[in-house]
C-alpha cells in the first residue's frame, strides 16, 4: 500500500473512532445510563441479524442462545427499572 493510502486509512480510522465515541457519550448524557446500557446490549444482536440478512451468514444454535440471553437480560433489566422507578 502506498504512503497516501496508509495516511487515509489512519485518518479515517481516527475520525470514525473519535466521532463514534463522541456520539456515544452524547447519547449517554441525553438518554441516561440505564437506557444506554440496554441499547448497547442490542448492538451484537443487530450485527448478527444484519449479517444473516445482508451476508447470508447462517445462524447456529449458539447464536440463538446468545440472542435469547440478551433478550432475557433486557426484559429482566426493564422489570427491575419499572419496580424502582
N, C-alpha and C. Protein backbone atom coordinates (compact mmCIF):
# COMPACT_ATOMS: atom_id res chain seq x y z
N UNK A 1 0.84 -1.18 0.00
CA UNK A 1 0.00 0.00 0.00
C UNK A 1 0.89 1.24 0.00
N UNK A 2 0.45 2.25 -0.70
CA UNK A 2 1.25 3.47 -0.79
C UNK A 2 1.13 4.28 0.50
N UNK A 3 2.02 5.23 0.64
CA UNK A 3 2.03 6.07 1.83
C UNK A 3 0.75 6.89 1.94
N UNK A 4 0.23 7.38 0.83
CA UNK A 4 -1.01 8.16 0.88
C UNK A 4 -2.19 7.29 1.29
N UNK A 5 -2.20 6.04 0.86
CA UNK A 5 -3.27 5.13 1.29
C UNK A 5 -3.19 4.84 2.78
N UNK A 6 -1.98 4.67 3.30
CA UNK A 6 -1.81 4.47 4.73
C UNK A 6 -2.30 5.70 5.50
N UNK A 7 -1.96 6.86 5.00
CA UNK A 7 -2.40 8.10 5.65
C UNK A 7 -3.92 8.17 5.69
N UNK A 8 -4.57 7.88 4.56
CA UNK A 8 -6.03 7.92 4.51
C UNK A 8 -6.65 6.89 5.44
N UNK A 9 -6.07 5.70 5.48
CA UNK A 9 -6.57 4.66 6.37
C UNK A 9 -6.50 5.09 7.83
N UNK A 10 -5.37 5.61 8.23
CA UNK A 10 -5.19 6.06 9.62
C UNK A 10 -6.09 7.25 9.91
N UNK A 11 -6.18 8.18 9.00
CA UNK A 11 -7.01 9.37 9.18
C UNK A 11 -8.48 8.99 9.38
N UNK A 12 -9.02 8.17 8.49
CA UNK A 12 -10.43 7.80 8.59
C UNK A 12 -10.70 6.90 9.79
N UNK A 13 -9.73 6.09 10.17
CA UNK A 13 -9.90 5.27 11.36
C UNK A 13 -10.00 6.14 12.60
N UNK A 14 -9.13 7.12 12.72
CA UNK A 14 -9.15 8.01 13.88
C UNK A 14 -10.42 8.85 13.88
N UNK A 15 -10.81 9.38 12.74
CA UNK A 15 -12.01 10.21 12.65
C UNK A 15 -13.25 9.40 13.01
N UNK A 16 -13.39 8.21 12.44
CA UNK A 16 -14.59 7.41 12.73
C UNK A 16 -14.63 6.97 14.18
N UNK A 17 -13.48 6.65 14.76
CA UNK A 17 -13.44 6.27 16.16
C UNK A 17 -13.78 7.45 17.05
N UNK A 18 -13.20 8.59 16.78
CA UNK A 18 -13.48 9.78 17.59
C UNK A 18 -14.94 10.20 17.46
N UNK A 19 -15.49 10.17 16.26
CA UNK A 19 -16.89 10.55 16.06
C UNK A 19 -17.82 9.56 16.77
N UNK A 20 -17.55 8.28 16.62
CA UNK A 20 -18.39 7.27 17.27
C UNK A 20 -18.35 7.38 18.78
N UNK A 21 -17.17 7.59 19.33
CA UNK A 21 -17.04 7.74 20.78
C UNK A 21 -17.73 9.01 21.26
N UNK A 22 -17.58 10.10 20.55
CA UNK A 22 -18.25 11.36 20.93
C UNK A 22 -19.76 11.20 20.90
N UNK A 23 -20.29 10.54 19.88
CA UNK A 23 -21.74 10.34 19.79
C UNK A 23 -22.24 9.42 20.89
N UNK A 24 -21.42 8.43 21.28
CA UNK A 24 -21.81 7.52 22.35
C UNK A 24 -21.93 8.29 23.67
N UNK A 25 -20.95 9.14 23.97
CA UNK A 25 -21.00 9.91 25.21
C UNK A 25 -22.11 10.95 25.18
N UNK A 26 -22.39 11.54 24.04
CA UNK A 26 -23.51 12.47 23.92
C UNK A 26 -24.83 11.74 24.16
N UNK A 27 -24.98 10.57 23.58
CA UNK A 27 -26.19 9.77 23.80
C UNK A 27 -26.33 9.38 25.26
N UNK A 28 -25.22 9.03 25.88
CA UNK A 28 -25.24 8.68 27.30
C UNK A 28 -25.73 9.84 28.14
N UNK A 29 -25.29 11.03 27.79
CA UNK A 29 -25.72 12.23 28.52
C UNK A 29 -27.20 12.52 28.28
N UNK A 30 -27.68 12.31 27.06
CA UNK A 30 -29.06 12.66 26.71
C UNK A 30 -30.09 11.65 27.19
N UNK A 31 -29.81 10.35 27.11
CA UNK A 31 -30.84 9.36 27.44
C UNK A 31 -30.60 8.62 28.74
N UNK A 32 -29.45 8.77 29.34
CA UNK A 32 -29.19 8.15 30.63
C UNK A 32 -28.49 6.80 30.51
N UNK A 33 -27.84 6.41 31.60
CA UNK A 33 -27.03 5.19 31.56
C UNK A 33 -27.84 3.90 31.46
N UNK A 34 -29.02 3.84 32.08
CA UNK A 34 -29.81 2.61 32.03
C UNK A 34 -30.28 2.31 30.62
N UNK A 35 -30.87 3.30 29.97
CA UNK A 35 -31.33 3.11 28.60
C UNK A 35 -30.16 2.84 27.68
N UNK A 36 -29.06 3.52 27.90
CA UNK A 36 -27.88 3.33 27.05
C UNK A 36 -27.33 1.92 27.20
N UNK A 37 -27.35 1.37 28.41
CA UNK A 37 -26.85 0.00 28.60
C UNK A 37 -27.75 -1.00 27.89
N UNK A 38 -29.06 -0.75 27.91
CA UNK A 38 -29.98 -1.65 27.20
C UNK A 38 -29.76 -1.57 25.69
N UNK A 39 -29.56 -0.37 25.18
CA UNK A 39 -29.30 -0.21 23.75
C UNK A 39 -27.95 -0.83 23.36
N UNK A 40 -26.97 -0.70 24.23
CA UNK A 40 -25.66 -1.29 23.94
C UNK A 40 -25.73 -2.81 23.89
N UNK A 41 -26.64 -3.39 24.68
CA UNK A 41 -26.79 -4.84 24.68
C UNK A 41 -27.39 -5.35 23.37
N UNK A 42 -28.12 -4.50 22.68
CA UNK A 42 -28.77 -4.89 21.43
C UNK A 42 -27.80 -4.85 20.24
N UNK A 43 -26.69 -4.15 20.38
CA UNK A 43 -25.75 -4.00 19.27
C UNK A 43 -25.26 -5.33 18.69
N UNK A 44 -24.84 -6.30 19.51
CA UNK A 44 -24.40 -7.58 18.92
C UNK A 44 -25.53 -8.30 18.18
N UNK A 45 -26.75 -8.21 18.70
CA UNK A 45 -27.88 -8.84 18.02
C UNK A 45 -28.14 -8.17 16.68
N UNK A 46 -28.02 -6.85 16.64
CA UNK A 46 -28.20 -6.13 15.39
C UNK A 46 -27.16 -6.56 14.36
N UNK A 47 -25.92 -6.69 14.80
CA UNK A 47 -24.86 -7.14 13.90
C UNK A 47 -25.14 -8.56 13.40
N UNK A 48 -25.64 -9.41 14.29
CA UNK A 48 -25.94 -10.78 13.91
C UNK A 48 -27.08 -10.82 12.88
N UNK A 49 -28.14 -10.06 13.12
CA UNK A 49 -29.28 -10.03 12.20
C UNK A 49 -28.87 -9.46 10.84
N UNK A 50 -28.08 -8.39 10.86
CA UNK A 50 -27.63 -7.81 9.59
C UNK A 50 -26.71 -8.76 8.83
N UNK A 51 -25.88 -9.52 9.55
CA UNK A 51 -25.01 -10.48 8.85
C UNK A 51 -25.82 -11.60 8.22
N UNK A 52 -26.92 -11.98 8.87
CA UNK A 52 -27.79 -13.01 8.28
C UNK A 52 -28.50 -12.45 7.05
N UNK A 53 -29.03 -11.24 7.17
CA UNK A 53 -29.81 -10.65 6.08
C UNK A 53 -28.95 -10.19 4.90
N UNK A 54 -27.83 -9.54 5.20
CA UNK A 54 -27.03 -8.94 4.13
C UNK A 54 -25.93 -9.86 3.59
N UNK A 55 -25.38 -10.70 4.45
CA UNK A 55 -24.25 -11.54 4.04
C UNK A 55 -24.60 -13.02 3.94
N UNK A 56 -25.84 -13.36 4.26
CA UNK A 56 -26.32 -14.76 4.21
C UNK A 56 -25.50 -15.68 5.11
N UNK A 57 -25.08 -15.17 6.26
CA UNK A 57 -24.35 -15.99 7.22
C UNK A 57 -25.37 -16.84 7.97
N UNK A 58 -25.20 -18.16 8.00
CA UNK A 58 -26.19 -18.99 8.69
C UNK A 58 -26.05 -18.86 10.21
N UNK A 59 -27.20 -18.85 10.88
CA UNK A 59 -27.18 -18.80 12.35
C UNK A 59 -27.07 -20.22 12.90
N UNK A 60 -26.31 -20.35 13.97
CA UNK A 60 -26.13 -21.64 14.62
C UNK A 60 -26.83 -21.61 15.97
N UNK A 61 -26.86 -22.74 16.64
CA UNK A 61 -27.54 -22.84 17.92
C UNK A 61 -26.99 -21.84 18.93
N UNK A 62 -25.68 -21.67 18.95
CA UNK A 62 -25.07 -20.74 19.91
C UNK A 62 -25.53 -19.31 19.65
N UNK A 63 -25.80 -18.96 18.40
CA UNK A 63 -26.29 -17.63 18.06
C UNK A 63 -27.69 -17.41 18.63
N UNK A 64 -28.54 -18.42 18.48
CA UNK A 64 -29.89 -18.32 19.04
C UNK A 64 -29.85 -18.24 20.57
N UNK A 65 -28.97 -19.02 21.18
CA UNK A 65 -28.85 -18.98 22.64
C UNK A 65 -28.35 -17.61 23.11
N UNK A 66 -27.37 -17.07 22.43
CA UNK A 66 -26.87 -15.74 22.78
C UNK A 66 -27.92 -14.67 22.63
N UNK A 67 -28.68 -14.71 21.53
CA UNK A 67 -29.75 -13.74 21.33
C UNK A 67 -30.82 -13.88 22.40
N UNK A 68 -31.13 -15.11 22.77
CA UNK A 68 -32.11 -15.33 23.83
C UNK A 68 -31.65 -14.77 25.16
N UNK A 69 -30.36 -14.93 25.47
CA UNK A 69 -29.83 -14.38 26.72
C UNK A 69 -29.86 -12.86 26.73
N UNK A 70 -29.55 -12.26 25.60
CA UNK A 70 -29.60 -10.80 25.51
C UNK A 70 -31.03 -10.31 25.71
N UNK A 71 -31.99 -10.96 25.06
CA UNK A 71 -33.40 -10.56 25.22
C UNK A 71 -33.84 -10.76 26.67
N UNK A 72 -33.45 -11.88 27.28
CA UNK A 72 -33.79 -12.12 28.69
C UNK A 72 -33.20 -11.04 29.59
N UNK A 73 -31.96 -10.64 29.34
CA UNK A 73 -31.32 -9.60 30.14
C UNK A 73 -32.06 -8.28 30.00
N UNK A 74 -32.48 -7.95 28.79
CA UNK A 74 -33.20 -6.70 28.56
C UNK A 74 -34.54 -6.72 29.28
N UNK A 75 -35.25 -7.85 29.21
CA UNK A 75 -36.55 -7.96 29.89
C UNK A 75 -36.36 -7.85 31.39
N UNK A 76 -35.39 -8.56 31.95
CA UNK A 76 -35.16 -8.50 33.40
C UNK A 76 -34.75 -7.10 33.84
N UNK A 77 -33.89 -6.46 33.09
CA UNK A 77 -33.46 -5.10 33.43
C UNK A 77 -34.63 -4.13 33.35
N UNK A 78 -35.51 -4.30 32.37
CA UNK A 78 -36.68 -3.43 32.25
C UNK A 78 -37.62 -3.62 33.42
N UNK A 79 -37.82 -4.86 33.86
CA UNK A 79 -38.69 -5.11 35.01
C UNK A 79 -38.10 -4.50 36.27
N UNK A 80 -36.79 -4.64 36.45
CA UNK A 80 -36.12 -4.07 37.61
C UNK A 80 -36.24 -2.55 37.60
N UNK A 81 -36.10 -1.93 36.45
CA UNK A 81 -36.20 -0.48 36.34
C UNK A 81 -37.60 0.00 36.66
N UNK A 82 -38.62 -0.71 36.22
CA UNK A 82 -40.00 -0.31 36.48
C UNK A 82 -40.33 -0.37 37.96
N UNK A 83 -39.84 -1.38 38.68
CA UNK A 83 -40.15 -1.51 40.10
C UNK A 83 -39.54 -0.37 40.90
N UNK A 84 -38.34 0.03 40.56
CA UNK A 84 -37.67 1.10 41.29
C UNK A 84 -38.27 2.44 40.92
N UNK A 85 -38.45 2.70 39.64
CA UNK A 85 -38.93 4.00 39.18
C UNK A 85 -40.40 4.01 39.14
